[in-house]
Amino acid sequence: MTDDRDRQILTFLQRDCRISNAELAEAVGMSASALWRRVRALEDTGVIARYGAIVNPEAIGLDFEAIVHVHLTRHDPEKIIEFIRAVETSTVVQECYATTGQADYHLRVLTSDLAAYNHFLEEFLFRLPAVSSAQTNVVLRTIKRDRPVTA
């Protein structure tokens, strides 16, 4: 469990994970060594899962984004595992959620254009034995993304 000081640290790190230890220590009112121990504990306990850069998809030519609602034909455990493994290895699928509701899975997909997305559907998704159908919602505009997790 984290306390208020940990939440402050996490907020700063989520805004800019490249902030120096000294700058972060000053910002949260701690010594550099005490801060380092706190951050290390947050990493060791899995509160901080990883560090990374947030890339603007359009800046690298990924202009087509869709949310895909996937319906499975069979709920055979082997076919589900095969579906999950395939989705995990796909570079096109950015996120995958198993949810309640009509669809079994929801994917966030990024491709360069509609033709590349169609290729993803025909050559990847619809070739998976467990997949019955998919409904696509094209993302017209992103309203909110990459917001810090707060408690």
C-alpha atoms as a PDB file:
ATOM      1  CA  MET A   1       0.000   0.000   0.000  1.00  0.00           C
ATOM      2  CA  THR A   2       1.236   3.467  -0.781  1.00  0.00           C
ATOM      3  CA  ASP A   3       1.007   6.611   1.331  1.00  0.00           C
ATOM      4  CA  ASP A   4       0.656  10.281   0.350  1.00  0.00           C
ATOM      5  CA  ARG A   5       4.406  10.686  -0.197  1.00  0.00           C
ATOM      6  CA  ASP A   6       4.486   7.648  -2.493  1.00  0.00           C
ATOM      7  CA  ARG A   7       1.531   9.041  -4.436  1.00  0.00           C
ATOM      8  CA  GLN A   8       3.426  12.319  -4.913  1.00  0.00           C
ATOM      9  CA  ILE A   9       6.456  10.416  -6.178  1.00  0.00           C
ATOM     10  CA  LEU A  10       4.308   8.377  -8.551  1.00  0.00           C
ATOM     11  CA  THR A  11       2.602  11.491  -9.920  1.00  0.00           C
ATOM     12  CA  PHE A  12       5.943  13.117 -10.727  1.00  0.00           C
ATOM     13  CA  LEU A  13       7.377   9.941 -12.274  1.00  0.00           C
ATOM     14  CA  GLN A  14       4.304   9.426 -14.442  1.00  0.00           C
ATOM     15  CA  ARG A  15       4.609  12.983 -15.725  1.00  0.00           C
ATOM     16  CA  ASP A  16       8.322  12.599 -16.484  1.00  0.00           C
ATOM     17  CA  CYS A  17      10.154   9.384 -15.648  1.00  0.00           C
ATOM     18  CA  ARG A  18      13.430  11.035 -16.720  1.00  0.00           C
ATOM     19  CA  ILE A  19      13.352  13.466 -13.800  1.00  0.00           C
ATOM     20  CA  SER A  20      16.599  13.240 -11.856  1.00  0.00           C
ATOM     21  CA  ASN A  21      16.651  11.743  -8.377  1.00  0.00           C
ATOM     22  CA  ALA A  22      17.807  15.092  -6.961  1.00  0.00           C
ATOM     23  CA  GLU A  23      15.014  17.049  -8.687  1.00  0.00           C
ATOM     24  CA  LEU A  24      12.386  14.564  -7.567  1.00  0.00           C
ATOM     25  CA  ALA A  25      13.701  14.549  -3.995  1.00  0.00           C
ATOM     26  CA  GLU A  26      13.476  18.340  -3.880  1.00  0.00           C
ATOM     27  CA  ALA A  27       9.979  18.342  -5.404  1.00  0.00           C
ATOM     28  CA  VAL A  28       8.593  15.974  -2.759  1.00  0.00           C
ATOM     29  CA  GLY A  29      10.656  17.330   0.132  1.00  0.00           C
ATOM     30  CA  MET A  30      12.928  14.375   0.836  1.00  0.00           C
ATOM     31  CA  SER A  31      16.630  13.670   0.847  1.00  0.00           C
ATOM     32  CA  ALA A  32      17.969  12.079  -2.333  1.00  0.00           C
ATOM     33  CA  SER A  33      18.948   8.849  -0.536  1.00  0.00           C
ATOM     34  CA  ALA A  34      15.545   8.487   1.165  1.00  0.00           C
ATOM     35  CA  LEU A  35      13.807   9.110  -2.159  1.00  0.00           C
ATOM     36  CA  TRP A  36      15.972   6.541  -3.923  1.00  0.00           C
ATOM     37  CA  ARG A  37      15.000   3.928  -1.307  1.00  0.00           C
ATOM     38  CA  ARG A  38      11.292   4.800  -1.730  1.00  0.00           C
ATOM     39  CA  VAL A  39      11.443   4.536  -5.508  1.00  0.00           C
ATOM     40  CA  ARG A  40      13.350   1.267  -5.277  1.00  0.00           C
ATOM     41  CA  ALA A  41      10.687  -0.141  -2.908  1.00  0.00           C
ATOM     42  CA  LEU A  42       7.941   0.947  -5.338  1.00  0.00           C
ATOM     43  CA  GLU A  43       9.771  -0.887  -8.124  1.00  0.00           C
ATOM     44  CA  ASP A  44      10.457  -4.009  -6.033  1.00  0.00           C
ATOM     45  CA  THR A  45       6.821  -4.339  -4.934  1.00  0.00           C
ATOM     46  CA  GLY A  46       5.519  -3.920  -8.476  1.00  0.00           C
ATOM     47  CA  VAL A  47       3.806  -0.571  -7.902  1.00  0.00           C
ATOM     48  CA  ILE A  48       6.062   0.798 -10.628  1.00  0.00           C
ATOM     49  CA  ALA A  49       5.757  -1.808 -13.349  1.00  0.00           C
ATOM     50  CA  ARG A  50       8.133  -0.201 -15.872  1.00  0.00           C
ATOM     51  CA  TYR A  51       9.465   3.034 -17.320  1.00  0.00           C
ATOM     52  CA  GLY A  52       9.079   4.125 -20.921  1.00  0.00           C
ATOM     53  CA  ALA A  53       8.513   6.757 -23.558  1.00  0.00           C
ATOM     54  CA  ILE A  54       5.076   7.694 -24.837  1.00  0.00           C
ATOM     55  CA  VAL A  55       5.213   7.794 -28.621  1.00  0.00           C
ATOM     56  CA  ASN A  56       2.834   9.844 -30.754  1.00  0.00           C
ATOM     57  CA  PRO A  57       1.433   7.266 -33.226  1.00  0.00           C
ATOM     58  CA  GLU A  58       0.779   9.810 -35.994  1.00  0.00           C
ATOM     59  CA  ALA A  59       4.397  10.997 -35.825  1.00  0.00           C
ATOM     60  CA  ILE A  60       5.538   7.521 -36.926  1.00  0.00           C
ATOM     61  CA  GLY A  61       2.865   6.994 -39.573  1.00  0.00           C
ATOM     62  CA  LEU A  62       0.238   5.117 -37.566  1.00  0.00           C
ATOM     63  CA  ASP A  63      -2.758   7.223 -38.585  1.00  0.00           C
ATOM     64  CA  PHE A  64      -5.541   4.623 -38.305  1.00  0.00           C
ATOM     65  CA  GLU A  65      -6.836   3.626 -34.877  1.00  0.00           C
ATOM     66  CA  ALA A  66      -9.755   1.351 -34.085  1.00  0.00           C
ATOM     67  CA  ILE A  67     -11.434  -0.371 -31.207  1.00  0.00           C
ATOM     68  CA  VAL A  68     -12.305  -3.928 -32.232  1.00  0.00           C
ATOM     69  CA  HIS A  69     -14.985  -5.902 -30.401  1.00  0.00           C
ATOM     70  CA  VAL A  70     -14.170  -9.581 -30.896  1.00  0.00           C
ATOM     71  CA  HIS A  71     -16.713 -12.378 -30.551  1.00  0.00           C
ATOM     72  CA  LEU A  72     -15.476 -15.947 -30.151  1.00  0.00           C
ATOM     73  CA  THR A  73     -17.144 -18.982 -31.696  1.00  0.00           C
ATOM     74  CA  ARG A  74     -15.991 -21.379 -29.054  1.00  0.00           C
ATOM     75  CA  HIS A  75     -14.907 -20.924 -25.511  1.00  0.00           C
ATOM     76  CA  ASP A  76     -12.626 -23.933 -25.728  1.00  0.00           C
ATOM     77  CA  PRO A  77      -9.688 -23.222 -23.368  1.00  0.00           C
ATOM     78  CA  GLU A  78      -7.101 -24.263 -25.979  1.00  0.00           C
ATOM     79  CA  LYS A  79      -8.578 -21.915 -28.606  1.00  0.00           C
ATOM     80  CA  ILE A  80      -8.764 -19.049 -26.105  1.00  0.00           C
ATOM     81  CA  ILE A  81      -5.107 -19.550 -25.172  1.00  0.00           C
ATOM     82  CA  GLU A  82      -4.213 -19.577 -28.883  1.00  0.00           C
ATOM     83  CA  PHE A  83      -6.179 -16.336 -29.396  1.00  0.00           C
ATOM     84  CA  ILE A  84      -4.508 -14.642 -26.410  1.00  0.00           C
ATOM     85  CA  ARG A  85      -1.007 -15.702 -27.472  1.00  0.00           C
ATOM     86  CA  ALA A  86      -1.584 -14.431 -30.992  1.00  0.00           C
ATOM     87  CA  VAL A  87      -2.887 -11.083 -29.739  1.00  0.00           C
ATOM     88  CA  GLU A  88       0.040 -10.751 -27.314  1.00  0.00           C
ATOM     89  CA  THR A  89       2.537 -11.160 -30.157  1.00  0.00           C
ATOM     90  CA  SER A  90       0.798  -8.825 -32.614  1.00  0.00           C
ATOM     91  CA  THR A  91       2.535  -5.488 -33.094  1.00  0.00           C
ATOM     92  CA  VAL A  92      -0.717  -4.006 -34.412  1.00  0.00           C
ATOM     93  CA  VAL A  93      -2.716  -4.745 -31.246  1.00  0.00           C
ATOM     94  CA  GLN A  94      -1.818  -2.131 -28.638  1.00  0.00           C
ATOM     95  CA  GLU A  95      -4.194  -3.261 -25.901  1.00  0.00           C
ATOM     96  CA  CYS A  96      -6.505  -6.205 -25.302  1.00  0.00           C
ATOM     97  CA  TYR A  97      -9.205  -6.545 -22.659  1.00  0.00           C
ATOM     98  CA  ALA A  98     -11.419  -9.479 -21.723  1.00  0.00           C
ATOM     99  CA  THR A  99     -14.658  -7.915 -20.535  1.00  0.00           C
ATOM    100  CA  THR A 100     -18.240  -8.590 -19.670  1.00  0.00           C
ATOM    101  CA  GLY A 101     -20.938  -7.711 -22.192  1.00  0.00           C
ATOM    102  CA  GLN A 102     -21.672  -8.809 -25.730  1.00  0.00           C
ATOM    103  CA  ALA A 103     -18.113  -9.009 -27.034  1.00  0.00           C
ATOM    104  CA  ASP A 104     -15.603 -11.380 -25.489  1.00  0.00           C
ATOM    105  CA  TYR A 105     -12.537  -9.205 -26.095  1.00  0.00           C
ATOM    106  CA  HIS A 106     -11.847  -5.588 -26.994  1.00  0.00           C
ATOM    107  CA  LEU A 107      -8.703  -4.628 -28.886  1.00  0.00           C
ATOM    108  CA  ARG A 108      -7.154  -1.229 -29.528  1.00  0.00           C
ATOM    109  CA  VAL A 109      -5.452  -1.466 -32.899  1.00  0.00           C
ATOM    110  CA  LEU A 110      -3.058   0.939 -34.640  1.00  0.00           C
ATOM    111  CA  THR A 111      -2.145   0.698 -38.319  1.00  0.00           C
ATOM    112  CA  SER A 112      -0.922   3.062 -41.010  1.00  0.00           C
ATOM    113  CA  ASP A 113      -4.232   3.207 -42.883  1.00  0.00           C
ATOM    114  CA  LEU A 114      -7.498   1.429 -43.683  1.00  0.00           C
ATOM    115  CA  ALA A 115      -5.800  -0.975 -46.101  1.00  0.00           C
ATOM    116  CA  ALA A 116      -3.341  -2.071 -43.415  1.00  0.00           C
ATOM    117  CA  TYR A 117      -6.219  -2.511 -40.977  1.00  0.00           C
ATOM    118  CA  ASN A 118      -8.111  -4.634 -43.495  1.00  0.00           C
ATOM    119  CA  HIS A 119      -4.952  -6.743 -43.915  1.00  0.00           C
ATOM    120  CA  PHE A 120      -4.841  -7.187 -40.116  1.00  0.00           C
ATOM    121  CA  LEU A 121      -8.457  -8.420 -40.145  1.00  0.00           C
ATOM    122  CA  GLU A 122      -8.127 -10.789 -43.104  1.00  0.00           C
ATOM    123  CA  GLU A 123      -4.629 -12.145 -42.540  1.00  0.00           C
ATOM    124  CA  PHE A 124      -4.504 -12.208 -38.760  1.00  0.00           C
ATOM    125  CA  LEU A 125      -7.708 -11.856 -36.774  1.00  0.00           C
ATOM    126  CA  PHE A 126     -10.113 -13.853 -38.944  1.00  0.00           C
ATOM    127  CA  ARG A 127      -7.570 -16.662 -39.318  1.00  0.00           C
ATOM    128  CA  LEU A 128      -7.683 -17.386 -35.591  1.00  0.00           C
ATOM    129  CA  PRO A 129      -9.944 -20.436 -35.079  1.00  0.00           C
ATOM    130  CA  ALA A 130     -11.705 -19.040 -32.006  1.00  0.00           C
ATOM    131  CA  VAL A 131     -12.792 -15.802 -33.703  1.00  0.00           C
ATOM    132  CA  SER A 132     -16.388 -15.730 -34.905  1.00  0.00           C
ATOM    133  CA  SER A 133     -16.752 -12.068 -35.774  1.00  0.00           C
ATOM    134  CA  ALA A 134     -15.465  -8.606 -35.045  1.00  0.00           C
ATOM    135  CA  GLN A 135     -17.101  -5.222 -34.939  1.00  0.00           C
ATOM    136  CA  THR A 136     -14.904  -2.208 -35.614  1.00  0.00           C
ATOM    137  CA  ASN A 137     -15.281   1.263 -34.183  1.00  0.00           C
ATOM    138  CA  VAL A 138     -12.925   3.689 -35.915  1.00  0.00           C
ATOM    139  CA  VAL A 139     -11.427   6.241 -33.542  1.00  0.00           C
ATOM    140  CA  LEU A 140     -12.207   9.685 -34.921  1.00  0.00           C
ATOM    141  CA  ARG A 141     -10.517  11.684 -32.189  1.00  0.00           C
ATOM    142  CA  THR A 142      -8.760  10.852 -28.936  1.00  0.00           C
ATOM    143  CA  ILE A 143     -10.193  12.786 -26.015  1.00  0.00           C
ATOM    144  CA  LYS A 144      -8.145  11.378 -23.149  1.00  0.00           C
ATOM    145  CA  ARG A 145      -5.181   9.009 -22.971  1.00  0.00           C
ATOM    146  CA  ASP A 146      -2.012   8.458 -20.987  1.00  0.00           C
ATOM    147  CA  ARG A 147      -3.233  10.055 -17.803  1.00  0.00           C
ATOM    148  CA  PRO A 148      -1.392   9.370 -14.555  1.00  0.00           C
ATOM    149  CA  VAL A 149      -2.863   6.775 -12.235  1.00  0.00           C
ATOM    150  CA  THR A 150      -3.901   8.428  -8.992  1.00  0.00           C
ATOM    151  CA  ALA A 151      -5.373   7.101  -5.791  1.00  0.00           C
END
